[in-house]
Amino acid sequence: MTRARSPEDEATLGRRGSWLLGGPMLVFVVAMFGYPAYLVLRTSVASGDGLDSGGFSLTHYVTFFTDSLYLDALLNTFVIAVVSTAITAVLGLLYAYEITRRPGLRTVLLLLLVLPLLVNGVVRIYGLQLGMISLDRVLLDLGLRDTPLGLQYSFAGIIIALVMFQFPFMALAIYAGLSRLDVSLVEAAQTLGAPRRAVLLRVVLPLAVPGLVAGSVLTFAAAAGTFIVPAMMGGGRVNTIPQMIYTSVSQTSQWATASAFAVVLVAILAVSILYSLRRGLRSTAGTR
């Protein structure tokens, strides 16, 4: 006759099962992310600039924080990330609210949101560039402008492209939070004479805070770390940190310099994201 398992035996089996399930994933994370991150950090403090340079030196960090070219690139990176995140958050909130308000069109609106993600990013950027060129031609032909808008290869063009890329993710994240919105609350507020702005700020926005925080973190991190959008839409006129990293590795083989730039970018991103998450959690707790 088998002996019944004690609570201690059950707890031991549970821990073993957790390790069996989580062990492979832990090994994968360490091998694919932890070790490469260690190599980048180690290379960033090497005395030389080669990939196999040894020694210890903070020269590459000193160079970064004392060279105006790199500081301007850092400023450009975060201004682009902040502005594109703010614009995407506003547009995503409005779109997610419309999805919630119109149950009959929900499938169509969600489909319109997801379909662009099926198209290659480079193709979408080329399409946006063609659209900007066509817009300039139309405005010039109609006599509405004497010179082109100059959106292509500009700061504004990069932000427009990033908003286009990140808008679906932001809207979906906000919609996940607004899906539990009781439409009757909105209707009651409108019946009592509340303007649309008051309904959005007092009824919709508190429920959208978790989705806004999640979407903003994703958008901010992606906008600050992207290379292809500034490279194609900036045309070399707007320097960002990812572009400086690419140039240091591919053209001058300055691996230590590139590693230092990457560490600085990740560190500032981590601090910004943790701060945003903390503020977002406080706001969420305050609305409950």
C-alpha atoms as a PDB file:
ATOM      1  CA  MET A   1       0.000   0.000   0.000  1.00  0.00           C
ATOM      2  CA  THR A   2       1.508   3.371  -1.046  1.00  0.00           C
ATOM      3  CA  ARG A   3       2.130   6.025   1.562  1.00  0.00           C
ATOM      4  CA  ALA A   4       0.304   9.290   1.164  1.00  0.00           C
ATOM      5  CA  ARG A   5       2.552  12.207   0.242  1.00  0.00           C
ATOM      6  CA  SER A   6       3.191  14.748   2.942  1.00  0.00           C
ATOM      7  CA  PRO A   7       2.970  18.508   2.277  1.00  0.00           C
ATOM      8  CA  GLU A   8       6.782  18.630   2.367  1.00  0.00           C
ATOM      9  CA  ASP A   9       6.981  15.993  -0.375  1.00  0.00           C
ATOM     10  CA  GLU A  10       4.481  17.908  -2.488  1.00  0.00           C
ATOM     11  CA  ALA A  11       6.490  21.113  -2.070  1.00  0.00           C
ATOM     12  CA  THR A  12       9.716  19.313  -3.052  1.00  0.00           C
ATOM     13  CA  LEU A  13       8.099  17.848  -6.158  1.00  0.00           C
ATOM     14  CA  GLY A  14       6.718  21.263  -7.047  1.00  0.00           C
ATOM     15  CA  ARG A  15      10.158  22.855  -6.823  1.00  0.00           C
ATOM     16  CA  ARG A  16      11.698  20.115  -8.929  1.00  0.00           C
ATOM     17  CA  GLY A  17       8.980  20.514 -11.528  1.00  0.00           C
ATOM     18  CA  SER A  18       9.543  24.269 -11.621  1.00  0.00           C
ATOM     19  CA  TRP A  19      13.254  23.775 -12.239  1.00  0.00           C
ATOM     20  CA  LEU A  20      12.573  21.189 -14.941  1.00  0.00           C
ATOM     21  CA  LEU A  21      10.228  23.570 -16.720  1.00  0.00           C
ATOM     22  CA  GLY A  22      12.164  26.790 -16.156  1.00  0.00           C
ATOM     23  CA  GLY A  23      15.706  25.411 -16.371  1.00  0.00           C
ATOM     24  CA  PRO A  24      15.933  25.213 -20.186  1.00  0.00           C
ATOM     25  CA  MET A  25      14.542  28.714 -20.551  1.00  0.00           C
ATOM     26  CA  LEU A  26      17.012  30.023 -17.969  1.00  0.00           C
ATOM     27  CA  VAL A  27      19.896  28.430 -19.882  1.00  0.00           C
ATOM     28  CA  PHE A  28      18.586  29.925 -23.125  1.00  0.00           C
ATOM     29  CA  VAL A  29      18.324  33.433 -21.630  1.00  0.00           C
ATOM     30  CA  VAL A  30      21.832  33.263 -20.150  1.00  0.00           C
ATOM     31  CA  ALA A  31      23.336  31.915 -23.386  1.00  0.00           C
ATOM     32  CA  MET A  32      21.500  34.224 -25.789  1.00  0.00           C
ATOM     33  CA  PHE A  33      21.276  37.441 -23.737  1.00  0.00           C
ATOM     34  CA  GLY A  34      23.351  37.284 -20.577  1.00  0.00           C
ATOM     35  CA  TYR A  35      26.659  36.225 -22.125  1.00  0.00           C
ATOM     36  CA  PRO A  36      26.469  38.632 -25.103  1.00  0.00           C
ATOM     37  CA  ALA A  37      25.604  41.461 -22.691  1.00  0.00           C
ATOM     38  CA  TYR A  38      28.677  40.557 -20.625  1.00  0.00           C
ATOM     39  CA  LEU A  39      30.859  40.609 -23.757  1.00  0.00           C
ATOM     40  CA  VAL A  40      29.562  44.059 -24.734  1.00  0.00           C
ATOM     41  CA  LEU A  41      30.185  45.388 -21.231  1.00  0.00           C
ATOM     42  CA  ARG A  42      33.655  43.833 -21.096  1.00  0.00           C
ATOM     43  CA  THR A  43      34.604  45.177 -24.528  1.00  0.00           C
ATOM     44  CA  SER A  44      33.403  48.679 -23.618  1.00  0.00           C
ATOM     45  CA  VAL A  45      36.086  48.979 -20.898  1.00  0.00           C
ATOM     46  CA  ALA A  46      38.937  47.472 -22.926  1.00  0.00           C
ATOM     47  CA  SER A  47      42.067  49.550 -23.311  1.00  0.00           C
ATOM     48  CA  GLY A  48      42.181  49.071 -27.084  1.00  0.00           C
ATOM     49  CA  ASP A  49      39.505  49.428 -29.762  1.00  0.00           C
ATOM     50  CA  GLY A  50      39.697  45.935 -31.202  1.00  0.00           C
ATOM     51  CA  LEU A  51      37.306  43.096 -30.496  1.00  0.00           C
ATOM     52  CA  ASP A  52      39.949  41.097 -28.583  1.00  0.00           C
ATOM     53  CA  SER A  53      41.594  44.011 -26.789  1.00  0.00           C
ATOM     54  CA  GLY A  54      42.409  43.426 -23.149  1.00  0.00           C
ATOM     55  CA  GLY A  55      43.160  45.707 -20.236  1.00  0.00           C
ATOM     56  CA  PHE A  56      40.843  48.133 -18.496  1.00  0.00           C
ATOM     57  CA  SER A  57      40.096  51.717 -19.458  1.00  0.00           C
ATOM     58  CA  LEU A  58      37.183  54.165 -19.318  1.00  0.00           C
ATOM     59  CA  THR A  59      38.539  56.124 -22.267  1.00  0.00           C
ATOM     60  CA  HIS A  60      35.630  55.235 -24.532  1.00  0.00           C
ATOM     61  CA  TYR A  61      33.074  56.511 -22.011  1.00  0.00           C
ATOM     62  CA  VAL A  62      35.076  59.698 -21.475  1.00  0.00           C
ATOM     63  CA  THR A  63      35.185  60.212 -25.228  1.00  0.00           C
ATOM     64  CA  PHE A  64      31.435  59.763 -25.469  1.00  0.00           C
ATOM     65  CA  PHE A  65      30.577  62.307 -22.772  1.00  0.00           C
ATOM     66  CA  THR A  66      33.144  64.908 -23.895  1.00  0.00           C
ATOM     67  CA  ASP A  67      32.518  64.879 -27.644  1.00  0.00           C
ATOM     68  CA  SER A  68      29.714  67.194 -28.781  1.00  0.00           C
ATOM     69  CA  LEU A  69      29.006  64.984 -31.812  1.00  0.00           C
ATOM     70  CA  TYR A  70      28.087  62.028 -29.613  1.00  0.00           C
ATOM     71  CA  LEU A  71      26.151  64.158 -27.135  1.00  0.00           C
ATOM     72  CA  ASP A  72      24.134  65.674 -29.988  1.00  0.00           C
ATOM     73  CA  ALA A  73      23.396  62.168 -31.251  1.00  0.00           C
ATOM     74  CA  LEU A  74      22.244  61.163 -27.757  1.00  0.00           C
ATOM     75  CA  LEU A  75      20.001  64.221 -27.553  1.00  0.00           C
ATOM     76  CA  ASN A  76      18.553  63.513 -31.004  1.00  0.00           C
ATOM     77  CA  THR A  77      17.890  59.912 -30.023  1.00  0.00           C
ATOM     78  CA  PHE A  78      15.855  60.769 -26.949  1.00  0.00           C
ATOM     79  CA  VAL A  79      14.039  63.755 -28.412  1.00  0.00           C
ATOM     80  CA  ILE A  80      12.901  61.537 -31.295  1.00  0.00           C
ATOM     81  CA  ALA A  81      11.885  58.789 -28.858  1.00  0.00           C
ATOM     82  CA  VAL A  82       9.949  61.106 -26.517  1.00  0.00           C
ATOM     83  CA  VAL A  83       8.133  63.046 -29.258  1.00  0.00           C
ATOM     84  CA  SER A  84       7.183  59.950 -31.266  1.00  0.00           C
ATOM     85  CA  THR A  85       5.987  58.196 -28.083  1.00  0.00           C
ATOM     86  CA  ALA A  86       3.812  61.166 -27.078  1.00  0.00           C
ATOM     87  CA  ILE A  87       2.208  61.458 -30.522  1.00  0.00           C
ATOM     88  CA  THR A  88       1.669  57.707 -30.765  1.00  0.00           C
ATOM     89  CA  ALA A  89       0.085  57.622 -27.289  1.00  0.00           C
ATOM     90  CA  VAL A  90      -2.477  60.308 -28.195  1.00  0.00           C
ATOM     91  CA  LEU A  91      -3.381  58.710 -31.542  1.00  0.00           C
ATOM     92  CA  GLY A  92      -3.432  55.216 -30.029  1.00  0.00           C
ATOM     93  CA  LEU A  93      -5.747  56.292 -27.223  1.00  0.00           C
ATOM     94  CA  LEU A  94      -8.223  57.871 -29.644  1.00  0.00           C
ATOM     95  CA  TYR A  95      -8.169  54.859 -31.966  1.00  0.00           C
ATOM     96  CA  ALA A  96      -8.539  52.328 -29.131  1.00  0.00           C
ATOM     97  CA  TYR A  97     -11.449  54.348 -27.750  1.00  0.00           C
ATOM     98  CA  GLU A  98     -13.168  54.271 -31.133  1.00  0.00           C
ATOM     99  CA  ILE A  99     -12.732  50.483 -31.288  1.00  0.00           C
ATOM    100  CA  THR A 100     -14.413  50.211 -27.889  1.00  0.00           C
ATOM    101  CA  ARG A 101     -17.246  52.566 -28.851  1.00  0.00           C
ATOM    102  CA  ARG A 102     -18.100  50.802 -32.114  1.00  0.00           C
ATOM    103  CA  PRO A 103     -18.660  47.061 -31.503  1.00  0.00           C
ATOM    104  CA  GLY A 104     -20.044  46.606 -35.006  1.00  0.00           C
ATOM    105  CA  LEU A 105     -16.841  47.862 -36.609  1.00  0.00           C
ATOM    106  CA  ARG A 106     -14.485  46.288 -34.089  1.00  0.00           C
ATOM    107  CA  THR A 107     -13.306  43.501 -36.384  1.00  0.00           C
ATOM    108  CA  VAL A 108     -12.681  45.892 -39.279  1.00  0.00           C
ATOM    109  CA  LEU A 109     -10.828  48.408 -37.098  1.00  0.00           C
ATOM    110  CA  LEU A 110      -8.642  45.700 -35.571  1.00  0.00           C
ATOM    111  CA  LEU A 111      -7.944  44.270 -39.031  1.00  0.00           C
ATOM    112  CA  LEU A 112      -6.872  47.714 -40.288  1.00  0.00           C
ATOM    113  CA  LEU A 113      -4.570  47.922 -37.293  1.00  0.00           C
ATOM    114  CA  VAL A 114      -2.916  44.550 -37.851  1.00  0.00           C
ATOM    115  CA  LEU A 115      -2.649  44.473 -41.669  1.00  0.00           C
ATOM    116  CA  PRO A 116       0.305  46.925 -41.911  1.00  0.00           C
ATOM    117  CA  LEU A 117       2.328  44.620 -39.654  1.00  0.00           C
ATOM    118  CA  LEU A 118       2.259  41.997 -42.420  1.00  0.00           C
ATOM    119  CA  VAL A 119       4.229  44.290 -44.745  1.00  0.00           C
ATOM    120  CA  ASN A 120       8.019  44.429 -44.543  1.00  0.00           C
ATOM    121  CA  GLY A 121       9.315  47.491 -42.692  1.00  0.00           C
ATOM    122  CA  VAL A 122      11.644  48.609 -45.488  1.00  0.00           C
ATOM    123  CA  VAL A 123       8.757  48.464 -47.978  1.00  0.00           C
ATOM    124  CA  ARG A 124       6.628  50.587 -45.647  1.00  0.00           C
ATOM    125  CA  ILE A 125       9.388  53.191 -45.365  1.00  0.00           C
ATOM    126  CA  TYR A 126       9.775  53.351 -49.149  1.00  0.00           C
ATOM    127  CA  GLY A 127       6.007  53.754 -49.431  1.00  0.00           C
ATOM    128  CA  LEU A 128       6.084  56.610 -46.929  1.00  0.00           C
ATOM    129  CA  GLN A 129       8.897  58.290 -48.861  1.00  0.00           C
ATOM    130  CA  LEU A 130       6.940  58.023 -52.108  1.00  0.00           C
ATOM    131  CA  GLY A 131       3.905  59.476 -50.336  1.00  0.00           C
ATOM    132  CA  MET A 132       5.937  62.462 -49.118  1.00  0.00           C
ATOM    133  CA  ILE A 133       7.334  63.062 -52.615  1.00  0.00           C
ATOM    134  CA  SER A 134       3.834  62.880 -54.096  1.00  0.00           C
ATOM    135  CA  LEU A 135       2.502  65.290 -51.455  1.00  0.00           C
ATOM    136  CA  ASP A 136       5.196  67.833 -52.326  1.00  0.00           C
ATOM    137  CA  ARG A 137       4.364  67.567 -56.021  1.00  0.00           C
ATOM    138  CA  VAL A 138       0.640  68.036 -55.414  1.00  0.00           C
ATOM    139  CA  LEU A 139       1.182  71.094 -53.217  1.00  0.00           C
ATOM    140  CA  LEU A 140       3.572  72.622 -55.741  1.00  0.00           C
ATOM    141  CA  ASP A 141       1.271  71.913 -58.706  1.00  0.00           C
ATOM    142  CA  LEU A 142      -1.715  73.445 -56.899  1.00  0.00           C
ATOM    143  CA  GLY A 143       0.321  76.509 -56.024  1.00  0.00           C
ATOM    144  CA  LEU A 144      -0.215  76.028 -52.305  1.00  0.00           C
ATOM    145  CA  ARG A 145       3.529  76.094 -51.666  1.00  0.00           C
ATOM    146  CA  ASP A 146       6.543  77.543 -53.432  1.00  0.00           C
ATOM    147  CA  THR A 147       8.993  75.030 -51.945  1.00  0.00           C
ATOM    148  CA  PRO A 148       8.650  71.377 -50.876  1.00  0.00           C
ATOM    149  CA  LEU A 149       7.712  70.579 -47.286  1.00  0.00           C
ATOM    150  CA  GLY A 150      11.038  68.868 -46.796  1.00  0.00           C
ATOM    151  CA  LEU A 151       9.671  66.004 -44.719  1.00  0.00           C
ATOM    152  CA  GLN A 152      11.903  63.477 -46.437  1.00  0.00           C
ATOM    153  CA  TYR A 153      15.388  63.193 -44.911  1.00  0.00           C
ATOM    154  CA  SER A 154      14.435  65.313 -41.915  1.00  0.00           C
ATOM    155  CA  PHE A 155      13.804  65.173 -38.175  1.00  0.00           C
ATOM    156  CA  ALA A 156      10.046  65.358 -38.754  1.00  0.00           C
ATOM    157  CA  GLY A 157      10.189  62.550 -41.311  1.00  0.00           C
ATOM    158  CA  ILE A 158      11.846  60.231 -38.778  1.00  0.00           C
ATOM    159  CA  ILE A 159       9.135  60.965 -36.207  1.00  0.00           C
ATOM    160  CA  ILE A 160       6.353  60.394 -38.753  1.00  0.00           C
ATOM    161  CA  ALA A 161       7.856  57.036 -39.728  1.00  0.00           C
ATOM    162  CA  LEU A 162       8.260  55.955 -36.093  1.00  0.00           C
ATOM    163  CA  VAL A 163       4.653  56.878 -35.326  1.00  0.00           C
ATOM    164  CA  MET A 164       3.579  54.826 -38.342  1.00  0.00           C
ATOM    165  CA  PHE A 165       5.612  51.841 -37.145  1.00  0.00           C
ATOM    166  CA  GLN A 166       4.637  51.937 -33.458  1.00  0.00           C
ATOM    167  CA  PHE A 167       0.998  53.020 -33.721  1.00  0.00           C
ATOM    168  CA  PRO A 168      -0.441  49.473 -34.022  1.00  0.00           C
ATOM    169  CA  PHE A 169       1.400  48.273 -30.912  1.00  0.00           C
ATOM    170  CA  MET A 170       0.339  51.303 -28.889  1.00  0.00           C
ATOM    171  CA  ALA A 171      -3.306  51.060 -29.964  1.00  0.00           C
ATOM    172  CA  LEU A 172      -3.476  47.330 -29.228  1.00  0.00           C
ATOM    173  CA  ALA A 173      -1.915  47.803 -25.785  1.00  0.00           C
ATOM    174  CA  ILE A 174      -4.400  50.535 -24.890  1.00  0.00           C
ATOM    175  CA  TYR A 175      -7.324  48.579 -26.319  1.00  0.00           C
ATOM    176  CA  ALA A 176      -6.428  45.642 -24.061  1.00  0.00           C
ATOM    177  CA  GLY A 177      -7.059  47.932 -21.086  1.00  0.00           C
ATOM    178  CA  LEU A 178     -10.137  49.620 -22.527  1.00  0.00           C
ATOM    179  CA  SER A 179     -11.798  46.322 -23.467  1.00  0.00           C
ATOM    180  CA  ARG A 180     -13.260  46.209 -19.939  1.00  0.00           C
ATOM    181  CA  LEU A 181     -14.714  49.721 -20.311  1.00  0.00           C
ATOM    182  CA  ASP A 182     -18.423  49.837 -19.480  1.00  0.00           C
ATOM    183  CA  VAL A 183     -19.879  51.801 -22.395  1.00  0.00           C
ATOM    184  CA  SER A 184     -22.899  52.714 -20.255  1.00  0.00           C
ATOM    185  CA  LEU A 185     -20.619  54.925 -18.137  1.00  0.00           C
ATOM    186  CA  VAL A 186     -19.624  56.891 -21.230  1.00  0.00           C
ATOM    187  CA  GLU A 187     -23.243  57.160 -22.343  1.00  0.00           C
ATOM    188  CA  ALA A 188     -24.305  58.330 -18.869  1.00  0.00           C
ATOM    189  CA  ALA A 189     -21.595  61.009 -18.854  1.00  0.00           C
ATOM    190  CA  GLN A 190     -22.654  62.217 -22.292  1.00  0.00           C
ATOM    191  CA  THR A 191     -26.328  62.223 -21.265  1.00  0.00           C
ATOM    192  CA  LEU A 192     -25.474  64.440 -18.290  1.00  0.00           C
ATOM    193  CA  GLY A 193     -23.861  66.927 -20.652  1.00  0.00           C
ATOM    194  CA  ALA A 194     -20.187  66.076 -20.234  1.00  0.00           C
ATOM    195  CA  PRO A 195     -18.162  67.207 -23.279  1.00  0.00           C
ATOM    196  CA  ARG A 196     -16.129  64.658 -25.236  1.00  0.00           C
ATOM    197  CA  ARG A 197     -12.886  65.944 -23.724  1.00  0.00           C
ATOM    198  CA  ALA A 198     -14.167  65.478 -20.165  1.00  0.00           C
ATOM    199  CA  VAL A 199     -15.361  61.947 -20.974  1.00  0.00           C
ATOM    200  CA  LEU A 200     -11.938  61.033 -22.330  1.00  0.00           C
ATOM    201  CA  LEU A 201     -10.036  62.518 -19.391  1.00  0.00           C
ATOM    202  CA  ARG A 202     -12.314  61.463 -16.506  1.00  0.00           C
ATOM    203  CA  VAL A 203     -13.805  58.146 -17.666  1.00  0.00           C
ATOM    204  CA  VAL A 204     -11.649  56.649 -20.427  1.00  0.00           C
ATOM    205  CA  LEU A 205      -8.138  57.764 -19.469  1.00  0.00           C
ATOM    206  CA  PRO A 206      -8.016  56.158 -15.970  1.00  0.00           C
ATOM    207  CA  LEU A 207      -8.851  52.769 -17.477  1.00  0.00           C
ATOM    208  CA  ALA A 208      -6.324  53.293 -20.268  1.00  0.00           C
ATOM    209  CA  VAL A 209      -3.368  54.064 -17.971  1.00  0.00           C
ATOM    210  CA  PRO A 210      -2.005  50.472 -17.790  1.00  0.00           C
ATOM    211  CA  GLY A 211      -2.160  50.110 -21.566  1.00  0.00           C
ATOM    212  CA  LEU A 212      -0.669  53.569 -22.059  1.00  0.00           C
ATOM    213  CA  VAL A 213       2.258  52.707 -19.803  1.00  0.00           C
ATOM    214  CA  ALA A 214       2.898  49.373 -21.540  1.00  0.00           C
ATOM    215  CA  GLY A 215       2.558  50.864 -25.014  1.00  0.00           C
ATOM    216  CA  SER A 216       4.722  53.871 -24.148  1.00  0.00           C
ATOM    217  CA  VAL A 217       7.509  51.659 -22.796  1.00  0.00           C
ATOM    218  CA  LEU A 218       7.481  49.553 -25.969  1.00  0.00           C
ATOM    219  CA  THR A 219       7.338  52.584 -28.244  1.00  0.00           C
ATOM    220  CA  PHE A 220      10.029  54.523 -26.375  1.00  0.00           C
ATOM    221  CA  ALA A 221      12.452  51.585 -26.310  1.00  0.00           C
ATOM    222  CA  ALA A 222      11.872  50.759 -29.975  1.00  0.00           C
ATOM    223  CA  ALA A 223      12.173  54.401 -31.093  1.00  0.00           C
ATOM    224  CA  ALA A 224      15.397  54.976 -29.157  1.00  0.00           C
ATOM    225  CA  GLY A 225      16.982  51.736 -30.343  1.00  0.00           C
ATOM    226  CA  THR A 226      15.939  51.656 -33.986  1.00  0.00           C
ATOM    227  CA  PHE A 227      18.523  52.001 -36.739  1.00  0.00           C
ATOM    228  CA  ILE A 228      16.677  51.491 -40.013  1.00  0.00           C
ATOM    229  CA  VAL A 229      14.195  54.375 -39.605  1.00  0.00           C
ATOM    230  CA  PRO A 230      16.738  57.168 -38.900  1.00  0.00           C
ATOM    231  CA  ALA A 231      19.058  55.736 -41.545  1.00  0.00           C
ATOM    232  CA  MET A 232      16.421  55.751 -44.294  1.00  0.00           C
ATOM    233  CA  MET A 233      14.272  58.719 -43.264  1.00  0.00           C
ATOM    234  CA  GLY A 234      17.109  60.891 -41.959  1.00  0.00           C
ATOM    235  CA  GLY A 235      19.338  60.406 -44.965  1.00  0.00           C
ATOM    236  CA  GLY A 236      22.474  60.864 -42.850  1.00  0.00           C
ATOM    237  CA  ARG A 237      21.395  64.352 -41.754  1.00  0.00           C
ATOM    238  CA  VAL A 238      20.142  63.334 -38.300  1.00  0.00           C
ATOM    239  CA  ASN A 239      22.616  61.367 -36.192  1.00  0.00           C
ATOM    240  CA  THR A 240      21.373  58.963 -33.522  1.00  0.00           C
ATOM    241  CA  ILE A 241      23.178  56.590 -31.187  1.00  0.00           C
ATOM    242  CA  PRO A 242      22.177  53.397 -33.078  1.00  0.00           C
ATOM    243  CA  GLN A 243      23.609  54.934 -36.254  1.00  0.00           C
ATOM    244  CA  MET A 244      26.838  55.822 -34.449  1.00  0.00           C
ATOM    245  CA  ILE A 245      27.108  52.246 -33.183  1.00  0.00           C
ATOM    246  CA  TYR A 246      26.597  50.852 -36.679  1.00  0.00           C
ATOM    247  CA  THR A 247      29.172  53.218 -38.156  1.00  0.00           C
ATOM    248  CA  SER A 248      31.739  52.409 -35.461  1.00  0.00           C
ATOM    249  CA  VAL A 249      31.417  48.666 -36.104  1.00  0.00           C
ATOM    250  CA  SER A 250      30.899  48.419 -39.863  1.00  0.00           C
ATOM    251  CA  GLN A 251      33.112  51.219 -41.165  1.00  0.00           C
ATOM    252  CA  THR A 252      35.896  51.801 -38.630  1.00  0.00           C
ATOM    253  CA  SER A 253      35.853  48.502 -36.649  1.00  0.00           C
ATOM    254  CA  GLN A 254      35.872  50.402 -33.347  1.00  0.00           C
ATOM    255  CA  TRP A 255      34.268  47.629 -31.330  1.00  0.00           C
ATOM    256  CA  ALA A 256      35.095  49.063 -27.905  1.00  0.00           C
ATOM    257  CA  THR A 257      33.716  52.475 -28.838  1.00  0.00           C
ATOM    258  CA  ALA A 258      30.528  50.936 -30.192  1.00  0.00           C
ATOM    259  CA  SER A 259      30.183  48.787 -27.066  1.00  0.00           C
ATOM    260  CA  ALA A 260      30.506  51.852 -24.827  1.00  0.00           C
ATOM    261  CA  PHE A 261      27.821  53.640 -26.837  1.00  0.00           C
ATOM    262  CA  ALA A 262      25.550  50.601 -26.524  1.00  0.00           C
ATOM    263  CA  VAL A 263      26.058  50.380 -22.752  1.00  0.00           C
ATOM    264  CA  VAL A 264      25.240  54.079 -22.315  1.00  0.00           C
ATOM    265  CA  LEU A 265      22.118  53.761 -24.452  1.00  0.00           C
ATOM    266  CA  VAL A 266      20.870  50.656 -22.611  1.00  0.00           C
ATOM    267  CA  ALA A 267      21.598  52.184 -19.199  1.00  0.00           C
ATOM    268  CA  ILE A 268      19.691  55.394 -19.947  1.00  0.00           C
ATOM    269  CA  LEU A 269      16.848  53.401 -21.492  1.00  0.00           C
ATOM    270  CA  ALA A 270      16.647  51.132 -18.439  1.00  0.00           C
ATOM    271  CA  VAL A 271      16.491  54.074 -16.024  1.00  0.00           C
ATOM    272  CA  SER A 272      13.851  55.859 -18.129  1.00  0.00           C
ATOM    273  CA  ILE A 273      11.703  52.747 -18.490  1.00  0.00           C
ATOM    274  CA  LEU A 274      11.900  51.825 -14.786  1.00  0.00           C
ATOM    275  CA  TYR A 275      10.949  55.380 -13.835  1.00  0.00           C
ATOM    276  CA  SER A 276       8.012  55.356 -16.267  1.00  0.00           C
ATOM    277  CA  LEU A 277       6.803  51.991 -14.986  1.00  0.00           C
ATOM    278  CA  ARG A 278       6.992  53.209 -11.392  1.00  0.00           C
ATOM    279  CA  ARG A 279       5.003  56.344 -12.188  1.00  0.00           C
ATOM    280  CA  GLY A 280       2.530  54.298 -14.193  1.00  0.00           C
ATOM    281  CA  LEU A 281       1.975  51.834 -11.344  1.00  0.00           C
ATOM    282  CA  ARG A 282       1.392  54.719  -8.946  1.00  0.00           C
ATOM    283  CA  SER A 283      -1.134  56.284 -11.324  1.00  0.00           C
ATOM    284  CA  THR A 284      -2.894  52.941 -11.743  1.00  0.00           C
ATOM    285  CA  ALA A 285      -3.086  52.444  -7.996  1.00  0.00           C
ATOM    286  CA  GLY A 286      -4.450  55.944  -7.571  1.00  0.00           C
ATOM    287  CA  THR A 287      -7.322  55.354  -9.995  1.00  0.00           C
ATOM    288  CA  ARG A 288      -8.562  52.213  -8.281  1.00  0.00           C
END
